[in-house]
Amino acid sequence: RSVTTEWQGKTYHLLYNGRAMFAARDALGDQDIIAALTQPGAAGMQATVQAFCILAEQGELVRRMDGHARGPIPDADDVAARIMPDELIELQQAVVNAVMRGYHRDQPEEEIDLGLAELQKKTE
């Protein structure tokens, strides 16, 4: 359920899991993560950097638990110092995509009526 994104030559896997949700809430206050990203000025940039780093860290930790080779975990101060204005929107979009994917619920393509299936078994 992670979103893969490239930034400054490195690949990051952003994951919005339960831990990321609460870490973002702690870092950004009770403000909705999407609203925090879209604040004007430095506040929006700082929220984007924090959210990106939180989601990238969670994505990397889960990948490691799953046996993948170690990848980078970004540092917020480093990202804030290196991010260029034209990259800000790309990181915001990656964070938004990861949040949306985190809330996505996998459902079977077609619903299964268990009562009907049981009735069909009995009549066969």
Protein backbone atom coordinates (compact mmCIF):
# COMPACT_ATOMS: atom_id res chain seq x y z
CA ARG A 1 0.00 0.00 0.00
CA SER A 2 2.94 2.35 -0.25
CA VAL A 3 3.50 5.02 -2.88
CA THR A 4 6.91 4.96 -4.53
CA THR A 5 8.44 8.31 -5.39
CA GLU A 6 11.82 9.55 -6.56
CA TRP A 7 13.37 12.62 -5.00
CA GLN A 8 16.85 13.93 -5.72
CA GLY A 9 18.06 10.60 -7.09
CA LYS A 10 16.72 8.40 -4.28
CA THR A 11 13.66 6.18 -4.16
CA TYR A 12 11.28 6.54 -1.23
CA HIS A 13 8.29 4.39 -0.33
CA LEU A 14 5.65 6.49 1.42
CA LEU A 15 3.29 4.56 3.68
CA TYR A 16 0.35 6.04 5.54
CA ASN A 17 -0.26 3.44 8.23
CA GLY A 18 -1.60 3.82 11.76
CA ARG A 19 1.74 4.86 13.17
CA ALA A 20 2.21 7.47 10.42
CA MET A 21 -1.29 8.83 11.02
CA PHE A 22 -0.63 9.49 14.71
CA ALA A 23 2.94 10.69 14.16
CA ALA A 24 1.67 13.20 11.60
CA ARG A 25 -1.04 14.32 14.00
CA ASP A 26 1.57 14.83 16.73
CA ALA A 27 3.87 16.74 14.37
CA LEU A 28 1.22 18.84 12.65
CA GLY A 29 -1.25 19.33 15.49
CA ASP A 30 -4.86 18.29 15.16
CA GLN A 31 -4.97 19.80 11.70
CA ASP A 32 -5.91 17.50 8.84
CA ILE A 33 -2.76 16.37 7.02
CA ILE A 34 -3.99 17.54 3.62
CA ALA A 35 -4.96 20.95 5.01
CA ALA A 36 -1.54 21.24 6.65
CA LEU A 37 0.24 20.56 3.35
CA THR A 38 -1.70 23.23 1.52
CA GLN A 39 -1.08 26.05 4.00
CA PRO A 40 0.49 29.05 2.31
CA GLY A 41 4.13 29.92 2.82
CA ALA A 42 6.68 28.31 5.09
CA ALA A 43 4.03 26.51 7.18
CA GLY A 44 2.90 24.46 4.18
CA MET A 45 6.48 23.69 3.19
CA GLN A 46 7.37 22.59 6.72
CA ALA A 47 4.25 20.41 6.95
CA THR A 48 5.10 18.82 3.61
CA VAL A 49 8.65 18.05 4.72
CA GLN A 50 7.50 16.58 8.04
CA ALA A 51 4.76 14.48 6.44
CA PHE A 52 7.09 13.26 3.70
CA CYS A 53 9.71 12.18 6.24
CA ILE A 54 7.17 10.44 8.50
CA LEU A 55 5.58 8.50 5.63
CA ALA A 56 8.95 7.65 4.06
CA GLU A 57 10.24 6.35 7.39
CA GLN A 58 7.18 4.13 7.89
CA GLY A 59 7.41 2.83 4.33
CA GLU A 60 11.07 1.98 4.75
CA LEU A 61 10.61 0.31 8.14
CA VAL A 62 7.83 -1.92 6.80
CA ARG A 63 9.91 -2.79 3.72
CA ARG A 64 12.77 -3.85 5.99
CA MET A 65 10.39 -5.98 8.07
CA ASP A 66 9.32 -7.62 4.83
CA GLY A 67 12.95 -8.51 4.03
CA HIS A 68 13.76 -5.86 1.43
CA ALA A 69 17.21 -4.29 1.19
CA ARG A 70 17.75 -1.17 3.26
CA GLY A 71 16.72 2.06 1.62
CA PRO A 72 17.02 5.68 2.71
CA ILE A 73 15.12 7.25 5.59
CA PRO A 74 15.04 11.00 5.07
CA ASP A 75 15.89 13.52 7.77
CA ALA A 76 13.52 16.51 8.00
CA ASP A 77 16.32 19.07 8.43
CA ASP A 78 18.17 17.66 5.42
CA VAL A 79 15.04 17.61 3.26
CA ALA A 80 14.11 21.16 4.31
CA ALA A 81 17.59 22.40 3.39
CA ARG A 82 17.72 20.60 0.03
CA ILE A 83 14.19 20.90 -1.32
CA MET A 84 13.83 23.18 -4.30
CA PRO A 85 10.64 25.18 -4.90
CA ASP A 86 9.72 23.17 -7.98
CA GLU A 87 10.00 19.91 -6.00
CA LEU A 88 7.59 20.97 -3.27
CA ILE A 89 4.46 20.22 -5.28
CA GLU A 90 5.82 16.80 -6.28
CA LEU A 91 6.40 15.87 -2.63
CA GLN A 92 2.97 17.21 -1.65
CA GLN A 93 1.33 15.10 -4.36
CA ALA A 94 3.24 11.99 -3.27
CA VAL A 95 2.13 12.51 0.34
CA VAL A 96 -1.50 13.05 -0.72
CA ASN A 97 -1.39 9.89 -2.85
CA ALA A 98 0.03 7.89 0.06
CA VAL A 99 -2.65 9.19 2.44
CA MET A 100 -5.39 8.31 -0.04
CA ARG A 101 -3.92 4.86 -0.55
CA GLY A 102 -3.71 4.41 3.22
CA TYR A 103 -7.45 4.97 3.53
CA HIS A 104 -8.26 2.77 0.53
CA ARG A 105 -9.97 -0.46 1.49
CA ASP A 106 -9.37 -3.52 -0.65
CA GLN A 107 -12.65 -5.12 -1.66
CA PRO A 108 -13.31 -8.16 -3.77
CA GLU A 109 -14.33 -7.34 -7.31
CA GLU A 110 -17.77 -8.76 -6.73
CA GLU A 111 -19.58 -9.08 -3.44
CA ILE A 112 -20.25 -12.58 -2.20
CA ASP A 113 -23.63 -13.28 -0.64
CA LEU A 114 -22.77 -15.88 2.00
CA GLY A 115 -26.43 -16.73 2.64
CA LEU A 116 -27.04 -17.39 -1.05
CA ALA A 117 -23.85 -19.45 -1.32
CA GLU A 118 -24.95 -21.61 1.64
CA LEU A 119 -28.42 -22.08 0.14
CA GLN A 120 -26.91 -23.09 -3.21
CA LYS A 121 -24.73 -25.69 -1.46
CA LYS A 122 -27.78 -27.22 0.22
CA THR A 123 -29.74 -27.46 -3.03
CA GLU A 124 -26.92 -29.10 -5.00
